[in-house]
Amino acid sequence: MSGRVPQAEAQAGPVDWVSRAADQALRHAQDADGQVRLVTCASGASPSGPVHLGNLREFLTVHFVADELRRRGVPVRHLHSWDDYDRFRKVPAGVDASWAEHIGRPLSAVPDPWECHASWAEHFKAPLRAALAELGVEMEEISQTEMYKAGTYREQILLAVRERNRIDEILGRYRTKAKSPEPSSEQEAESLEESVADDDEAPAAPGDDLARFPFKPYCRECGRDTTTATAYDDESTDLAYTCSSCGFSGVTNLATQDEGKLVWKVDWPMRWTFEGVDFEPAGLDHATPGSSFTVGQEVAPLFGGRAPSFFGYGFVGFAGMQKMSSSAGGVPTATDALRVLEAPILRWLYVRRAPKQTFNIDFGPEVVRLYDEWDALGRKAADPAKRDAAVLAHERAVGPAAGPLPTSRVSVPFRTLSSVADVTAGSAELISQVIGQVGYAHESVADLEPRLSKAMQWTAEFVPAEDRTIVRETPDAERLAALEPRERQWLDLLLANLPTELELEAVTTVVYGVPKLAHGLAVDDAPTDEVKTDQKAFFRLLYNLLVGKDRGPRLPTLIVALGADKVRELLAAS
């Protein structure tokens, strides 16, 4: 697809990193006369394990740039390469040690130890595909196993082998330069263990042409890449090799057989040209001197192409994950995050920050504050006069160019939903009933989805036991018997004024008004300093008698959730 396309720069208004990256991708795709072919924004990932929240930045970064171009009417595709022809490097925790026999084989050839998918690679692709669909990410997928085994890259492989001395000269200039940046945390260090950014062949001894061979065959006998080239015939393109794992010696013909792959620092720039890539980001480990991108910039012209527009992105960590166990090793994935975060909010976490910024996704108490911040931004975004960079991030987060992602028809604060879920520890129907009583009219549970399910999941799995609200089954007789006169007065006033049919506004008025009444004031009078002090003591007393703690969910919400009968049972003197 090609044709003359207008400059299609970002429209007037706020500009963000997505706008700028889209401009660069568009310029990369234009020739000197302004002709624009189909713009290709590329991502890539190795399905060697759970595609965690750090890996997700690869997918979403490319998605946002491609989506911006799509919004401008520019022909664009998000092309994703699954590097499933990469080697299986190690057996992770939780997998039988016998899987060590597959180390060195392609990820696509390693069996799925959980026996639910065709291979190791497919086991980890599947949940990510489902999560990306929920996030509104559409992409064309390429399997590098299929591409290599189909002979798609034969001409490129032969070219790389012919140019092996020039390629090694390029790699040699960078071998002594700085490699990947030092990790700033244990999480980042673990993530970098799987990086191929610094993969390189050892410098060759003078005259040892095969030590720097750019193609690595998989052993025909055992399927591993533990092979060493022993001879190569440029005329016949026969490559002889031996395997250190099984002892096999064999010959593969690069022009007619497809039994291996180019080494990473040659493979990546080859694909830029083959796929016509205009934009492709990567982790900062690929952007340091001597690593993949800097080398690839010089290797790409050998294939007749050039490097795409590029930037490195920072690490994404996580916190509050003590109870997350759905992923191998407890590494949080997009699927895990979407159990507690609405899809637009998860998108927002990645689009609101410049790519080089590192950040953590916190699944602890921060989730409540995150939802509050998101809701406040939504109210701001509803006012066209307040459109700024923050609102632009909101616009990108709510959904792709095709349309917004699903949201709850009736918007209820997450903190309210989670508080009610905590107090009731009941069904969605019971929570829905209480939510209606606290002022959020709706017709059915469906009106509260998907946020209701997220709140229930978060409360059940991520609120520590010591922070959970457990309503007393019976009155605290000892504490009630020891009430001070003013405490007894507060409770009497509360019970005397508490309506039979509990509505949040009326209950709020009563709860905050009791200390005022005790001081001879009206409930709508401004509180004095003495009243404010008594309010704190009164609230603590109520928490003690209702849930056995000094604090808990917002008291009016708690009282409505419990119902008038239960409140009277727990607060009335015996």
Protein backbone atom coordinates (compact mmCIF):
# COMPACT_ATOMS: atom_id res chain seq x y z
CA MET A 1 0.00 0.00 0.00
CA SER A 2 1.45 3.38 -0.97
CA GLY A 3 0.38 6.81 -2.11
CA ARG A 4 0.69 10.46 -1.40
CA VAL A 5 -0.44 11.07 2.16
CA PRO A 6 -0.53 14.52 3.78
CA GLN A 7 1.99 15.28 6.47
CA ALA A 8 -0.66 14.24 8.98
CA GLU A 9 1.17 15.83 11.87
CA ALA A 10 -0.59 15.91 15.22
CA GLN A 11 -3.48 18.36 15.29
CA ALA A 12 -3.27 21.59 17.24
CA GLY A 13 -3.53 21.03 20.96
CA PRO A 14 -1.48 19.25 23.58
CA VAL A 15 1.46 17.18 22.39
CA ASP A 16 2.89 14.13 24.12
CA TRP A 17 5.50 11.45 23.51
CA VAL A 18 3.02 9.49 21.39
CA SER A 19 2.48 12.46 19.06
CA ARG A 20 6.20 12.97 18.64
CA ALA A 21 6.92 9.27 18.05
CA ALA A 22 4.13 9.12 15.47
CA ASP A 23 5.61 12.14 13.67
CA GLN A 24 9.01 10.40 13.56
CA ALA A 25 7.52 7.14 12.27
CA LEU A 26 5.66 9.03 9.55
CA ARG A 27 8.79 10.88 8.46
CA HIS A 28 10.67 7.57 8.36
CA ALA A 29 8.05 6.15 5.99
CA GLN A 30 8.13 9.11 3.59
CA ASP A 31 10.44 9.31 0.63
CA ALA A 32 12.01 12.52 -0.67
CA ASP A 33 8.83 13.35 -2.61
CA GLY A 34 6.53 12.88 0.36
CA GLN A 35 5.24 9.49 -0.80
CA VAL A 36 4.14 7.33 2.13
CA ARG A 37 3.88 3.58 2.06
CA LEU A 38 2.13 1.56 4.75
CA VAL A 39 3.71 2.63 8.05
CA THR A 40 4.97 -0.35 10.05
CA CYS A 41 5.24 -0.05 13.82
CA ALA A 42 6.89 -3.18 15.15
CA SER A 43 7.12 -4.93 18.49
CA GLY A 44 8.78 -8.17 19.47
CA ALA A 45 8.84 -10.50 22.47
CA SER A 46 10.22 -13.88 23.38
CA PRO A 47 7.54 -16.14 24.93
CA SER A 48 10.09 -17.69 27.27
CA GLY A 49 7.86 -17.24 30.33
CA PRO A 50 4.94 -15.14 31.58
CA VAL A 51 4.71 -11.95 29.54
CA HIS A 52 4.91 -9.71 32.59
CA LEU A 53 4.07 -6.05 33.13
CA GLY A 54 7.55 -4.99 32.07
CA ASN A 55 7.14 -6.82 28.73
CA LEU A 56 3.71 -5.25 28.34
CA ARG A 57 5.37 -1.87 27.80
CA GLU A 58 6.73 -3.19 24.49
CA PHE A 59 3.24 -3.96 23.21
CA LEU A 60 1.48 -0.86 24.51
CA THR A 61 4.20 1.58 23.42
CA VAL A 62 3.91 0.40 19.83
CA HIS A 63 0.12 0.23 20.05
CA PHE A 64 -0.22 3.86 21.14
CA VAL A 65 2.00 5.11 18.31
CA ALA A 66 0.23 3.02 15.67
CA ASP A 67 -3.12 4.10 17.08
CA GLU A 68 -2.17 7.78 16.86
CA LEU A 69 -1.33 7.35 13.18
CA ARG A 70 -4.61 5.50 12.66
CA ARG A 71 -6.48 8.42 14.27
CA ARG A 72 -4.81 10.71 11.71
CA GLY A 73 -6.01 8.54 8.82
CA VAL A 74 -2.54 7.23 7.99
CA PRO A 75 -2.29 3.63 6.68
CA VAL A 76 -0.48 1.77 9.47
CA ARG A 77 0.01 -1.69 10.93
CA HIS A 78 1.21 -2.92 14.30
CA LEU A 79 3.41 -5.88 13.40
CA HIS A 80 4.40 -8.14 16.27
CA SER A 81 7.15 -10.76 16.05
CA TRP A 82 7.03 -13.68 18.43
CA ASP A 83 10.65 -14.71 18.93
CA ASP A 84 9.57 -18.30 19.53
CA TYR A 85 12.58 -19.62 17.59
CA ASP A 86 14.84 -18.36 20.39
CA ARG A 87 16.50 -20.94 22.58
CA PHE A 88 15.00 -22.22 25.84
CA ARG A 89 17.49 -20.84 28.36
CA LYS A 90 16.59 -22.18 31.80
CA VAL A 91 14.00 -24.09 33.80
CA PRO A 92 12.04 -21.65 35.97
CA ALA A 93 10.83 -22.29 39.50
CA GLY A 94 7.78 -24.49 39.64
CA VAL A 95 8.67 -26.56 36.56
CA ASP A 96 9.96 -30.11 36.84
CA ALA A 97 13.76 -30.25 36.70
CA SER A 98 13.53 -32.80 33.90
CA TRP A 99 12.71 -29.91 31.52
CA ALA A 100 16.43 -29.08 31.64
CA GLU A 101 16.83 -31.59 28.82
CA HIS A 102 15.15 -29.03 26.54
CA ILE A 103 17.61 -26.21 27.24
CA GLY A 104 19.00 -25.02 23.90
CA ARG A 105 15.95 -26.05 21.86
CA PRO A 106 13.59 -23.52 20.26
CA LEU A 107 10.82 -22.35 22.56
CA SER A 108 8.34 -23.61 19.99
CA ALA A 109 9.82 -27.12 20.25
CA VAL A 110 9.72 -27.37 24.07
CA PRO A 111 6.66 -29.26 25.39
CA ASP A 112 4.17 -27.46 27.59
CA PRO A 113 4.71 -28.91 31.11
CA TRP A 114 1.13 -27.94 32.01
CA GLU A 115 -0.15 -29.89 28.97
CA CYS A 116 -2.68 -27.28 27.91
CA HIS A 117 -0.97 -25.91 24.79
CA ALA A 118 1.03 -27.25 21.89
CA SER A 119 4.34 -25.91 23.17
CA TRP A 120 6.07 -23.85 25.83
CA ALA A 121 5.84 -20.79 23.58
CA GLU A 122 2.11 -21.17 22.93
CA HIS A 123 1.43 -21.60 26.65
CA PHE A 124 2.66 -18.06 27.31
CA LYS A 125 1.32 -16.46 24.14
CA ALA A 126 -2.30 -17.41 24.79
CA PRO A 127 -3.04 -15.43 27.99
CA LEU A 128 -1.25 -12.39 26.63
CA ARG A 129 -3.38 -12.45 23.48
CA ALA A 130 -6.53 -12.48 25.61
CA ALA A 131 -5.28 -9.60 27.77
CA LEU A 132 -4.33 -7.53 24.72
CA ALA A 133 -7.80 -8.04 23.29
CA GLU A 134 -9.29 -6.71 26.54
CA LEU A 135 -6.91 -3.75 26.30
CA GLY A 136 -8.02 -2.95 22.76
CA VAL A 137 -4.68 -3.85 21.17
CA GLU A 138 -4.88 -5.27 17.65
CA MET A 139 -1.77 -6.47 15.86
CA GLU A 140 -0.54 -8.70 13.07
CA GLU A 141 1.47 -11.58 14.52
CA ILE A 142 4.51 -13.29 13.06
CA SER A 143 6.06 -16.49 14.40
CA GLN A 144 9.80 -16.48 13.81
CA THR A 145 9.73 -20.28 14.00
CA GLU A 146 7.38 -20.34 11.03
CA MET A 147 9.34 -17.69 9.15
CA TYR A 148 12.70 -19.44 9.52
CA LYS A 149 11.43 -22.98 8.98
CA ALA A 150 9.55 -21.92 5.86
CA GLY A 151 12.79 -20.63 4.33
CA THR A 152 11.49 -17.07 4.23
CA TYR A 153 14.86 -15.60 5.17
CA ARG A 154 17.14 -17.80 3.02
CA GLU A 155 18.37 -14.94 0.84
CA GLN A 156 19.01 -12.77 3.89
CA ILE A 157 20.91 -15.59 5.63
CA LEU A 158 23.13 -16.15 2.59
CA LEU A 159 23.79 -12.41 2.34
CA ALA A 160 24.75 -12.23 6.03
CA VAL A 161 27.14 -15.15 5.61
CA ARG A 162 28.75 -13.55 2.56
CA GLU A 163 29.15 -10.32 4.55
CA ARG A 164 30.30 -12.05 7.75
CA ASN A 165 33.66 -10.31 7.87
CA ARG A 166 32.09 -6.87 7.54
CA ILE A 167 29.51 -7.78 10.18
CA ASP A 168 32.18 -8.96 12.57
CA GLU A 169 34.14 -5.76 11.96
CA ILE A 170 31.07 -3.78 13.04
CA LEU A 171 30.47 -5.95 16.12
CA GLY A 172 34.15 -5.79 16.98
CA ARG A 173 34.11 -2.01 17.25
CA TYR A 174 31.52 -2.24 20.03
CA ARG A 175 32.65 -5.25 22.06
CA THR A 176 34.61 -3.18 24.56
CA LYS A 177 31.99 -0.47 24.99
CA ALA A 178 29.53 -0.20 27.88
CA LYS A 179 26.84 -2.83 27.94
CA SER A 180 23.45 -2.88 29.60
CA PRO A 181 22.80 -0.32 32.35
CA GLU A 182 23.11 -1.48 35.92
CA PRO A 183 19.74 -2.65 37.26
CA SER A 184 18.23 -0.39 39.89
CA SER A 185 16.37 -3.16 41.71
CA GLU A 186 16.28 -6.91 42.21
CA GLN A 187 13.15 -7.05 40.04
CA GLU A 188 14.93 -5.31 37.19
CA ALA A 189 17.95 -7.58 37.55
CA GLU A 190 15.72 -10.65 37.27
CA SER A 191 14.04 -9.20 34.20
CA LEU A 192 17.36 -8.51 32.50
CA GLU A 193 18.45 -12.14 32.95
CA GLU A 194 16.40 -13.04 29.88
CA SER A 195 17.67 -10.11 27.78
CA VAL A 196 19.41 -10.91 24.50
CA ALA A 197 20.72 -7.36 24.18
CA ASP A 198 24.30 -8.33 24.98
CA ASP A 199 24.32 -11.66 23.17
CA ASP A 200 27.49 -11.73 21.11
CA GLU A 201 30.07 -14.10 19.82
CA ALA A 202 33.51 -14.08 21.37
CA PRO A 203 36.12 -12.24 19.30
CA ALA A 204 37.63 -14.58 16.76
CA ALA A 205 41.26 -15.55 16.74
CA PRO A 206 43.16 -14.36 13.66
CA GLY A 207 42.18 -16.52 10.72
CA ASP A 208 39.34 -18.25 12.58
CA ASP A 209 36.55 -17.31 10.22
CA LEU A 210 34.00 -19.69 11.71
CA ALA A 211 34.14 -18.35 15.28
CA ARG A 212 32.22 -15.28 14.13
CA PHE A 213 29.75 -17.08 11.90
CA PRO A 214 26.43 -15.13 11.87
CA PHE A 215 24.22 -18.22 11.52
CA LYS A 216 23.58 -20.75 14.29
CA PRO A 217 22.18 -24.15 13.30
CA TYR A 218 19.95 -26.22 15.55
CA CYS A 219 21.31 -29.75 15.80
CA ARG A 220 19.49 -32.10 13.43
CA GLU A 221 19.84 -34.93 15.92
CA CYS A 222 18.87 -33.41 19.33
CA GLY A 223 17.34 -30.08 18.27
CA ARG A 224 19.61 -27.92 20.45
CA ASP A 225 21.68 -24.91 19.44
CA THR A 226 24.78 -26.24 21.20
CA THR A 227 26.54 -26.43 17.85
CA THR A 228 29.93 -25.27 16.65
CA ALA A 229 30.63 -24.56 12.98
CA THR A 230 33.57 -26.60 11.72
CA ALA A 231 33.62 -25.78 7.99
CA TYR A 232 31.78 -23.65 5.47
CA ASP A 233 31.90 -23.79 1.68
CA ASP A 234 30.98 -20.44 0.12
CA GLU A 235 30.34 -22.04 -3.25
CA SER A 236 28.03 -24.87 -2.16
CA THR A 237 26.77 -23.05 0.99
CA ASP A 238 27.30 -26.22 3.02
CA LEU A 239 27.84 -25.56 6.73
CA ALA A 240 29.40 -28.39 8.72
CA TYR A 241 28.97 -28.45 12.49
CA THR A 242 29.28 -30.57 15.60
CA CYS A 243 26.96 -30.64 18.61
CA SER A 244 28.43 -30.60 22.12
CA SER A 245 25.20 -31.95 23.64
CA CYS A 246 24.77 -35.17 21.70
CA GLY A 247 28.03 -35.47 19.75
CA PHE A 248 26.34 -35.36 16.36
CA SER A 249 28.29 -34.08 13.36
CA GLY A 250 26.39 -32.99 10.31
CA VAL A 251 26.06 -30.63 7.38
CA THR A 252 23.25 -28.20 6.64
CA ASN A 253 22.89 -26.40 3.34
CA LEU A 254 21.95 -22.77 3.82
CA ALA A 255 20.44 -22.44 0.35
CA THR A 256 18.10 -25.43 0.55
CA GLN A 257 17.62 -26.35 4.24
CA ASP A 258 16.18 -24.36 7.10
CA GLU A 259 17.69 -25.63 10.32
CA GLY A 260 18.77 -22.60 12.28
CA LYS A 261 18.68 -18.83 12.60
CA LEU A 262 20.79 -15.71 12.39
CA VAL A 263 22.39 -14.54 15.62
CA TRP A 264 20.38 -11.82 17.35
CA LYS A 265 22.44 -8.75 16.43
CA VAL A 266 22.16 -9.71 12.77
CA ASP A 267 18.63 -11.10 12.91
CA TRP A 268 17.07 -7.88 14.26
CA PRO A 269 18.45 -5.42 11.63
CA MET A 270 17.72 -7.99 8.91
CA ARG A 271 14.07 -7.94 9.91
CA TRP A 272 13.92 -4.13 9.92
CA THR A 273 14.62 -4.23 6.20
CA PHE A 274 12.58 -7.31 5.40
CA GLU A 275 9.48 -5.98 7.20
CA GLY A 276 9.95 -2.30 6.30
CA VAL A 277 9.92 -1.21 9.96
CA ASP A 278 9.46 2.52 10.57
CA PHE A 279 9.20 2.52 14.35
CA GLU A 280 10.30 -0.02 16.94
CA PRO A 281 11.15 0.71 20.59
CA ALA A 282 12.94 -1.60 23.00
CA GLY A 283 14.16 -1.74 26.57
CA LEU A 284 17.03 0.52 27.55
CA ASP A 285 19.30 -2.55 27.56
CA HIS A 286 19.05 -2.52 23.74
CA ALA A 287 20.00 1.17 23.47
CA THR A 288 23.34 1.27 25.27
CA PRO A 289 26.59 1.49 23.27
CA GLY A 290 27.51 -1.91 21.90
CA SER A 291 24.13 -3.52 22.33
CA SER A 292 21.51 -4.51 19.78
CA PHE A 293 20.27 -1.21 18.38
CA THR A 294 23.58 0.62 18.10
CA VAL A 295 25.11 -2.35 16.28
CA GLY A 296 21.97 -2.86 14.20
CA GLN A 297 22.12 0.69 12.85
CA GLU A 298 25.34 -0.21 11.06
CA VAL A 299 24.36 -3.75 10.09
CA ALA A 300 21.01 -2.80 8.52
CA PRO A 301 22.55 -1.10 5.41
CA LEU A 302 24.19 -4.42 4.50
CA PHE A 303 20.66 -5.72 3.90
CA GLY A 304 19.72 -2.61 1.92
CA GLY A 305 17.79 -0.91 4.70
CA ARG A 306 18.14 1.39 7.67
CA ALA A 307 17.25 1.43 11.33
CA PRO A 308 13.73 2.53 12.25
CA SER A 309 12.90 5.48 14.46
CA PHE A 310 13.61 4.23 17.97
CA PHE A 311 13.80 4.98 21.66
CA GLY A 312 14.56 2.90 24.71
CA TYR A 313 11.93 2.57 27.42
CA GLY A 314 12.37 2.21 31.16
CA PHE A 315 11.67 -0.67 33.49
CA VAL A 316 8.21 -1.34 34.93
CA GLY A 317 8.20 -2.90 38.40
CA PHE A 318 5.46 -3.96 40.75
CA ALA A 319 4.52 -3.86 44.41
CA GLY A 320 1.82 -5.25 46.68
CA MET A 321 2.05 -8.65 45.02
CA GLN A 322 2.51 -10.91 48.03
CA LYS A 323 -0.66 -12.85 47.27
CA MET A 324 -0.35 -13.04 43.50
CA SER A 325 0.36 -16.62 42.49
CA SER A 326 -1.31 -17.17 39.16
CA SER A 327 1.93 -16.73 37.22
CA ALA A 328 5.00 -18.90 37.43
CA GLY A 329 7.27 -17.45 40.07
CA GLY A 330 4.64 -14.89 41.06
CA VAL A 331 5.56 -12.55 38.20
CA PRO A 332 2.53 -10.31 37.52
CA THR A 333 1.17 -10.35 33.99
CA ALA A 334 -1.34 -8.21 32.14
CA THR A 335 -3.95 -10.88 32.92
CA ASP A 336 -3.22 -10.52 36.63
CA ALA A 337 -3.40 -6.72 36.49
CA LEU A 338 -6.72 -6.78 34.63
CA ARG A 339 -8.26 -8.74 37.47
CA VAL A 340 -8.18 -5.56 39.57
CA LEU A 341 -7.64 -2.70 37.11
CA GLU A 342 -10.06 -1.60 34.42
CA ALA A 343 -8.48 -1.84 30.98
CA PRO A 344 -8.40 1.96 30.42
CA ILE A 345 -6.61 2.45 33.75
CA LEU A 346 -3.93 -0.11 32.86
CA ARG A 347 -3.46 1.61 29.49
CA TRP A 348 -3.24 4.96 31.27
CA LEU A 349 -0.40 3.82 33.51
CA TYR A 350 1.76 3.28 30.42
CA VAL A 351 0.71 6.22 28.25
CA ARG A 352 0.83 9.01 30.85
CA ARG A 353 4.59 8.73 31.40
CA ALA A 354 7.48 9.41 29.02
CA PRO A 355 8.89 6.07 27.84
CA LYS A 356 12.24 6.47 29.60
CA GLN A 357 10.54 6.94 32.95
CA THR A 358 10.54 3.89 35.18
CA PHE A 359 7.56 3.21 37.42
CA ASN A 360 5.96 0.60 39.63
CA ILE A 361 2.43 -0.74 39.48
CA ASP A 362 1.27 -1.12 43.06
CA PHE A 363 -1.45 -3.65 43.81
CA GLY A 364 -1.74 -2.67 47.46
CA PRO A 365 -3.64 0.33 48.93
CA GLU A 366 -2.38 2.44 46.02
CA VAL A 367 -5.07 0.84 43.83
CA VAL A 368 -7.79 2.81 45.65
CA ARG A 369 -5.93 6.09 45.17
CA LEU A 370 -5.29 5.21 41.53
CA TYR A 371 -8.99 4.78 40.84
CA ASP A 372 -9.73 8.08 42.61
CA GLU A 373 -7.13 9.83 40.45
CA TRP A 374 -8.54 8.26 37.29
CA ASP A 375 -12.11 9.30 38.15
CA ALA A 376 -10.98 12.86 38.88
CA LEU A 377 -9.18 12.99 35.52
CA GLY A 378 -12.34 11.76 33.81
CA ARG A 379 -14.31 14.65 35.30
CA LYS A 380 -11.65 17.07 34.08
CA ALA A 381 -11.64 15.49 30.60
CA ALA A 382 -15.38 16.16 30.33
CA ASP A 383 -14.62 19.91 30.14
CA PRO A 384 -13.21 20.84 26.68
CA ALA A 385 -11.70 24.00 28.16
CA LYS A 386 -9.40 21.90 30.33
CA ARG A 387 -7.83 19.80 27.57
CA ASP A 388 -4.12 19.45 28.28
CA ALA A 389 -1.46 16.72 28.15
CA ALA A 390 -3.04 14.88 31.08
CA VAL A 391 -6.42 14.87 29.33
CA LEU A 392 -4.74 13.72 26.11
CA ALA A 393 -3.36 10.72 28.01
CA HIS A 394 -6.91 10.04 29.26
CA GLU A 395 -8.22 10.16 25.68
CA ARG A 396 -5.65 7.60 24.58
CA ALA A 397 -6.33 5.41 27.59
CA VAL A 398 -10.11 5.13 27.31
CA GLY A 399 -9.75 3.13 24.12
CA PRO A 400 -8.21 2.88 20.64
CA ALA A 401 -9.29 4.71 17.50
CA ALA A 402 -11.96 2.05 16.93
CA GLY A 403 -13.85 3.23 20.02
CA PRO A 404 -13.83 3.33 23.82
CA LEU A 405 -13.42 0.21 25.91
CA PRO A 406 -16.27 -0.98 28.16
CA THR A 407 -16.89 0.94 31.37
CA SER A 408 -19.54 0.69 34.07
CA ARG A 409 -22.85 2.32 33.12
CA VAL A 410 -23.20 3.58 36.68
CA SER A 411 -19.91 4.95 37.99
CA VAL A 412 -19.30 4.15 41.65
CA PRO A 413 -16.02 5.07 43.38
CA PHE A 414 -13.75 2.05 43.67
CA ARG A 415 -13.18 2.77 47.35
CA THR A 416 -16.94 2.54 47.94
CA LEU A 417 -17.26 -0.74 46.05
CA SER A 418 -14.26 -2.27 47.80
CA SER A 419 -15.47 -1.10 51.22
CA VAL A 420 -18.88 -2.66 50.68
CA ALA A 421 -17.29 -5.83 49.31
CA ASP A 422 -15.09 -5.96 52.40
CA VAL A 423 -17.95 -5.44 54.85
CA THR A 424 -20.46 -7.76 53.24
CA ALA A 425 -18.04 -10.50 52.15
CA GLY A 426 -21.07 -11.56 50.13
CA SER A 427 -22.36 -11.95 46.60
CA ALA A 428 -22.37 -9.36 43.87
CA GLU A 429 -26.14 -9.11 44.32
CA LEU A 430 -25.76 -8.19 48.00
CA ILE A 431 -23.11 -5.61 47.20
CA SER A 432 -25.33 -4.20 44.46
CA GLN A 433 -28.17 -3.86 46.96
CA VAL A 434 -26.03 -1.93 49.43
CA ILE A 435 -24.59 0.27 46.67
CA GLY A 436 -28.13 1.25 45.79
CA GLN A 437 -28.79 2.15 49.42
CA VAL A 438 -25.72 4.40 49.61
CA GLY A 439 -26.93 6.57 46.77
CA TYR A 440 -25.94 4.95 43.46
CA ALA A 441 -29.17 4.06 41.69
CA HIS A 442 -28.89 1.25 39.17
CA GLU A 443 -31.09 -1.44 37.72
CA SER A 444 -28.85 -4.51 37.97
CA VAL A 445 -25.41 -5.81 38.83
CA ALA A 446 -24.50 -5.48 35.16
CA ASP A 447 -24.71 -1.69 35.50
CA LEU A 448 -21.77 -1.81 37.93
CA GLU A 449 -19.52 -3.97 35.78
CA PRO A 450 -16.65 -4.26 35.09
CA ARG A 451 -15.60 -2.20 38.11
CA LEU A 452 -17.59 -4.25 40.63
CA SER A 453 -15.76 -7.49 39.79
CA LYS A 454 -12.40 -5.69 39.95
CA ALA A 455 -13.22 -4.33 43.41
CA MET A 456 -14.39 -7.71 44.68
CA GLN A 457 -11.24 -9.39 43.34
CA TRP A 458 -8.92 -6.77 44.82
CA THR A 459 -10.62 -6.92 48.22
CA ALA A 460 -10.51 -10.70 48.33
CA GLU A 461 -6.91 -11.12 47.19
CA PHE A 462 -4.93 -7.98 47.89
CA VAL A 463 -6.24 -6.58 51.15
CA PRO A 464 -4.11 -8.16 53.93
CA ALA A 465 -6.00 -10.17 56.54
CA GLU A 466 -5.07 -7.67 59.24
CA ASP A 467 -6.69 -4.89 57.20
CA ARG A 468 -9.90 -6.77 56.40
CA THR A 469 -13.11 -5.65 58.06
CA ILE A 470 -14.77 -8.43 60.05
CA VAL A 471 -18.08 -7.45 61.58
CA ARG A 472 -18.66 -8.66 65.13
CA GLU A 473 -21.09 -11.54 65.38
CA THR A 474 -22.21 -10.57 68.89
CA PRO A 475 -22.04 -7.34 70.95
CA ASP A 476 -18.86 -6.58 72.89
CA ALA A 477 -20.54 -6.91 76.31
CA GLU A 478 -17.40 -6.01 78.24
CA ARG A 479 -16.83 -2.77 76.33
CA LEU A 480 -20.50 -1.81 76.48
CA ALA A 481 -20.53 -2.36 80.25
CA ALA A 482 -17.52 -0.04 80.64
CA LEU A 483 -18.90 2.88 78.63
CA GLU A 484 -18.24 6.35 79.99
CA PRO A 485 -21.31 8.58 80.42
CA ARG A 486 -20.49 10.65 77.33
CA GLU A 487 -19.96 7.45 75.26
CA ARG A 488 -23.33 6.09 76.38
CA GLN A 489 -24.88 9.41 75.44
CA TRP A 490 -23.36 9.25 71.95
CA LEU A 491 -24.70 5.77 71.34
CA ASP A 492 -28.16 6.67 72.66
CA LEU A 493 -28.29 9.71 70.40
CA LEU A 494 -27.18 7.64 67.40
CA LEU A 495 -29.76 4.91 67.97
CA ALA A 496 -32.51 7.45 68.65
CA ASN A 497 -31.84 9.32 65.39
CA LEU A 498 -30.88 6.42 63.14
CA PRO A 499 -33.62 5.96 60.51
CA THR A 500 -35.15 2.55 59.99
CA GLU A 501 -34.57 2.71 56.23
CA LEU A 502 -30.91 3.60 55.90
CA GLU A 503 -29.91 6.07 53.19
CA LEU A 504 -26.32 7.23 52.97
CA GLU A 505 -26.98 10.97 53.16
CA ALA A 506 -29.27 10.67 56.19
CA VAL A 507 -26.90 8.29 57.98
CA THR A 508 -23.95 10.60 57.28
CA THR A 509 -25.86 13.51 58.81
CA VAL A 510 -26.63 11.49 61.94
CA VAL A 511 -23.13 10.04 62.40
CA TYR A 512 -21.41 13.41 62.10
CA GLY A 513 -24.21 15.15 64.01
CA VAL A 514 -24.20 13.04 67.22
CA PRO A 515 -21.29 14.89 68.91
CA LYS A 516 -22.95 18.20 67.92
CA LEU A 517 -26.21 17.15 69.55
CA ALA A 518 -24.29 16.11 72.67
CA HIS A 519 -22.95 19.67 72.90
CA GLY A 520 -26.40 21.21 72.44
CA LEU A 521 -25.85 22.16 68.79
CA ALA A 522 -27.99 21.41 65.76
CA VAL A 523 -26.75 18.78 63.31
CA ASP A 524 -26.25 21.41 60.59
CA ASP A 525 -24.20 23.73 62.82
CA ALA A 526 -20.51 24.11 62.14
CA PRO A 527 -18.47 21.87 64.47
CA THR A 528 -16.45 23.50 67.24
CA ASP A 529 -12.98 22.30 68.16
CA GLU A 530 -14.50 20.33 71.06
CA VAL A 531 -16.99 18.70 68.70
CA LYS A 532 -14.21 17.75 66.27
CA THR A 533 -12.30 16.09 69.11
CA ASP A 534 -15.40 14.21 70.21
CA GLN A 535 -16.13 13.14 66.63
CA LYS A 536 -12.77 11.34 66.46
CA ALA A 537 -13.43 9.60 69.78
CA PHE A 538 -16.99 8.72 68.74
CA PHE A 539 -15.86 7.26 65.42
CA ARG A 540 -13.20 5.15 67.15
CA LEU A 541 -15.84 3.87 69.60
CA LEU A 542 -18.15 2.86 66.75
CA TYR A 543 -15.35 1.00 64.97
CA ASN A 544 -14.47 -0.78 68.24
CA LEU A 545 -18.05 -1.92 68.78
CA LEU A 546 -18.88 -2.78 65.17
CA VAL A 547 -15.68 -4.34 63.80
CA GLY A 548 -13.30 -4.59 66.75
CA LYS A 549 -10.75 -2.11 65.36
CA ASP A 550 -9.90 1.55 65.72
CA ARG A 551 -10.66 2.27 62.07
CA GLY A 552 -12.24 0.74 59.00
CA PRO A 553 -14.41 1.62 56.00
CA ARG A 554 -16.15 4.98 55.99
CA LEU A 555 -18.64 4.80 58.88
CA PRO A 556 -21.82 5.86 57.06
CA THR A 557 -21.10 3.28 54.35
CA LEU A 558 -20.36 0.64 56.98
CA ILE A 559 -23.60 1.34 58.86
CA VAL A 560 -25.70 1.22 55.68
CA ALA A 561 -24.02 -2.03 54.67
CA LEU A 562 -24.74 -3.63 58.06
CA GLY A 563 -28.36 -2.50 58.18
CA ALA A 564 -30.26 -0.90 61.05
CA ASP A 565 -31.07 -4.14 62.86
CA LYS A 566 -27.45 -5.31 63.01
CA VAL A 567 -26.23 -1.89 64.13
CA ARG A 568 -28.79 -1.73 66.93
CA GLU A 569 -27.91 -5.27 68.01
CA LEU A 570 -24.20 -4.42 68.35
CA LEU A 571 -24.60 -0.98 69.98
CA ALA A 572 -27.53 -1.41 72.37
CA ALA A 573 -26.75 -1.98 76.06
CA SER A 574 -27.65 -5.43 77.36
